[in-house]
Each structure stands twice: as C-alpha cells, then as structure tokens.
C-alpha atoms as a PDB file:
ATOM      1  CA  UNK A   1       4.280  -4.061   9.506  1.00  0.00           C
ATOM      2  CA  UNK A   2       5.004  -0.586   8.210  1.00  0.00           C
ATOM      3  CA  UNK A   3       1.931   1.487   7.363  1.00  0.00           C
ATOM      4  CA  UNK A   4       1.173   4.616   5.391  1.00  0.00           C
ATOM      5  CA  UNK A   5      -1.997   6.690   4.986  1.00  0.00           C
ATOM      6  CA  UNK A   6      -2.083   8.629   1.719  1.00  0.00           C
ATOM      7  CA  UNK A   7      -4.410  11.303   3.199  1.00  0.00           C
ATOM      8  CA  UNK A   8      -5.780  12.510  -0.126  1.00  0.00           C
ATOM      9  CA  UNK A   9      -2.496  12.459  -2.082  1.00  0.00           C
ATOM     10  CA  UNK A  10      -3.679   9.446  -4.090  1.00  0.00           C
ATOM     11  CA  UNK A  11      -6.841   9.130  -6.134  1.00  0.00           C
ATOM     12  CA  UNK A  12      -6.382   5.341  -6.283  1.00  0.00           C
ATOM     13  CA  UNK A  13      -5.474   4.151  -2.790  1.00  0.00           C
ATOM     14  CA  UNK A  14      -6.145   5.200   0.787  1.00  0.00           C
ATOM     15  CA  UNK A  15      -3.672   3.024   2.726  1.00  0.00           C
ATOM     16  CA  UNK A  16      -0.516   1.011   2.235  1.00  0.00           C
ATOM     17  CA  UNK A  17       1.032  -1.626   4.425  1.00  0.00           C
ATOM     18  CA  UNK A  18       4.377  -3.323   3.942  1.00  0.00           C
ATOM     19  CA  UNK A  19       5.680  -6.526   5.504  1.00  0.00           C
ATOM     20  CA  UNK A  20       9.463  -6.372   5.359  1.00  0.00           C
ATOM     21  CA  UNK A  21       9.927 -10.075   6.184  1.00  0.00           C
ATOM     22  CA  UNK A  22       7.767 -11.374   3.333  1.00  0.00           C
ATOM     23  CA  UNK A  23       8.237  -8.397   0.958  1.00  0.00           C
ATOM     24  CA  UNK A  24       4.481  -8.066   0.520  1.00  0.00           C
ATOM     25  CA  UNK A  25       2.942  -4.658  -0.190  1.00  0.00           C
ATOM     26  CA  UNK A  26      -0.742  -4.230   0.731  1.00  0.00           C
ATOM     27  CA  UNK A  27      -2.659  -1.455  -1.027  1.00  0.00           C
ATOM     28  CA  UNK A  28      -6.230  -0.574  -0.044  1.00  0.00           C
ATOM     29  CA  UNK A  29      -7.988   0.952  -3.026  1.00  0.00           C
ATOM     30  CA  UNK A  30     -10.743   3.554  -2.691  1.00  0.00           C
ATOM     31  CA  UNK A  31     -13.044   1.448  -4.854  1.00  0.00           C
ATOM     32  CA  UNK A  32     -14.625  -1.144  -2.683  1.00  0.00           C
ATOM     33  CA  UNK A  33     -12.620  -0.746  -0.446  1.00  0.00           C
ATOM     34  CA  UNK A  34     -10.492  -3.527  -1.842  1.00  0.00           C
ATOM     35  CA  UNK A  35      -7.064  -4.577  -0.557  1.00  0.00           C
ATOM     36  CA  UNK A  36      -4.570  -6.146  -2.928  1.00  0.00           C
ATOM     37  CA  UNK A  37      -1.325  -7.842  -1.851  1.00  0.00           C
ATOM     38  CA  UNK A  38       1.644  -7.431  -4.210  1.00  0.00           C
ATOM     39  CA  UNK A  39       4.467  -9.945  -3.808  1.00  0.00           C
ATOM     40  CA  UNK A  40       8.286  -9.611  -3.967  1.00  0.00           C
ATOM     41  CA  UNK A  41       8.185  -5.830  -3.563  1.00  0.00           C
ATOM     42  CA  UNK A  42      11.538  -4.487  -2.336  1.00  0.00           C
ATOM     43  CA  UNK A  43      11.475  -2.173   0.661  1.00  0.00           C
ATOM     44  CA  UNK A  44      13.021   0.602  -1.443  1.00  0.00           C
ATOM     45  CA  UNK A  45       9.921   0.602  -3.662  1.00  0.00           C
ATOM     46  CA  UNK A  46       7.634   0.944  -0.620  1.00  0.00           C
ATOM     47  CA  UNK A  47       9.742   3.905   0.539  1.00  0.00           C
ATOM     48  CA  UNK A  48       9.607   5.514  -2.920  1.00  0.00           C
ATOM     49  CA  UNK A  49       5.851   5.017  -3.058  1.00  0.00           C
ATOM     50  CA  UNK A  50       5.201   6.615   0.323  1.00  0.00           C
ATOM     51  CA  UNK A  51       7.495   9.570  -0.404  1.00  0.00           C
ATOM     52  CA  UNK A  52       6.421  10.181  -3.996  1.00  0.00           C
ATOM     53  CA  UNK A  53       4.531  13.379  -4.826  1.00  0.00           C
ATOM     54  CA  UNK A  54       2.749  11.251  -7.492  1.00  0.00           C
ATOM     55  CA  UNK A  55       1.943   7.924  -5.775  1.00  0.00           C
ATOM     56  CA  UNK A  56      -0.609   6.875  -8.425  1.00  0.00           C
ATOM     57  CA  UNK A  57       2.060   6.928 -11.150  1.00  0.00           C
ATOM     58  CA  UNK A  58       4.346   4.831  -8.968  1.00  0.00           C
ATOM     59  CA  UNK A  59       1.519   2.375  -8.269  1.00  0.00           C
ATOM     60  CA  UNK A  60       0.586   1.954 -11.931  1.00  0.00           C
ATOM     61  CA  UNK A  61       4.060   1.628 -13.429  1.00  0.00           C
ATOM     62  CA  UNK A  62       6.249   0.286 -10.613  1.00  0.00           C
ATOM     63  CA  UNK A  63       3.818  -1.877  -8.621  1.00  0.00           C
ATOM     64  CA  UNK A  64       0.836  -3.036 -10.696  1.00  0.00           C
ATOM     65  CA  UNK A  65       2.807  -3.558 -13.900  1.00  0.00           C
ATOM     66  CA  UNK A  66       5.675  -5.476 -12.314  1.00  0.00           C
ATOM     67  CA  UNK A  67       4.439  -7.566  -9.363  1.00  0.00           C
ATOM     68  CA  UNK A  68       2.239 -10.624  -8.908  1.00  0.00           C
ATOM     69  CA  UNK A  69      -0.844  -9.831  -6.839  1.00  0.00           C
ATOM     70  CA  UNK A  70      -3.849 -11.314  -5.054  1.00  0.00           C
ATOM     71  CA  UNK A  71      -6.957  -9.824  -3.482  1.00  0.00           C
ATOM     72  CA  UNK A  72      -7.096  -9.880   0.327  1.00  0.00           C
ATOM     73  CA  UNK A  73     -10.220 -10.216   2.456  1.00  0.00           C
ATOM     74  CA  UNK A  74     -11.129  -8.392   4.615  1.00  0.00           C
ATOM     75  CA  UNK A  75      -9.703  -5.074   3.512  1.00  0.00           C
ATOM     76  CA  UNK A  76      -6.565  -3.938   5.276  1.00  0.00           C
ATOM     77  CA  UNK A  77      -7.032  -0.848   7.397  1.00  0.00           C
ATOM     78  CA  UNK A  78      -4.394   0.960   9.398  1.00  0.00           C
ATOM     79  CA  UNK A  79      -4.146   0.295  13.092  1.00  0.00           C
ATOM     80  CA  UNK A  80      -5.584   2.935  15.402  1.00  0.00           C
ATOM     81  CA  UNK A  81      -2.885   4.142  17.776  1.00  0.00           C
ATOM     82  CA  UNK A  82      -4.878   7.070  19.221  1.00  0.00           C
ATOM     83  CA  UNK A  83      -5.269   5.269  22.553  1.00  0.00           C
ATOM     84  CA  UNK A  84      -1.482   5.519  23.136  1.00  0.00           C
ATOM     85  CA  UNK A  85      -0.420   8.714  24.927  1.00  0.00           C
END
C-alpha cells in the first residue's frame, strides 16, 4: 500500500493510503479521526492528490464528488518505519 502524510498541507485530512490492486483510496480525516475508503480511484488521481498544492480542493471535487465510499474502522494510520536504519 502506498502512503502519504499531508503534514499540515490539508485542513481536511492527515493521511492517505492507496491500494493499487483494488483501486481503493483511504483518507483519514482530522475530525474523529475517521477513515473513509473511496472505491475505483485510479492511481493517477492518488498521485495528483499527493502532489497537489491544494489537496482539499482535489479531495472535494475529484474524490468525494465522484467516488463511492464507506467508513473504515479502526482509523487508518501510516506505518511507523523509524525502526528501520
């Protein structure tokens, strides 16, 4: 799974995860935190989202408005790779 941390560039979400095989985009929203899975998201859209200077606009108009979703429990959080040297 590909992962992205928005590190303060988004007011809506903190993390994103993308499963290339199933084309599912996971977004963890600041409110909650709540993770929502969006289905049939092409990989190009995940790339655009993670590289966008305005990720919230991309989320609202390219993800939320166009893809079927479901809430995921527990919330998705990025893996901690700090133990790897």
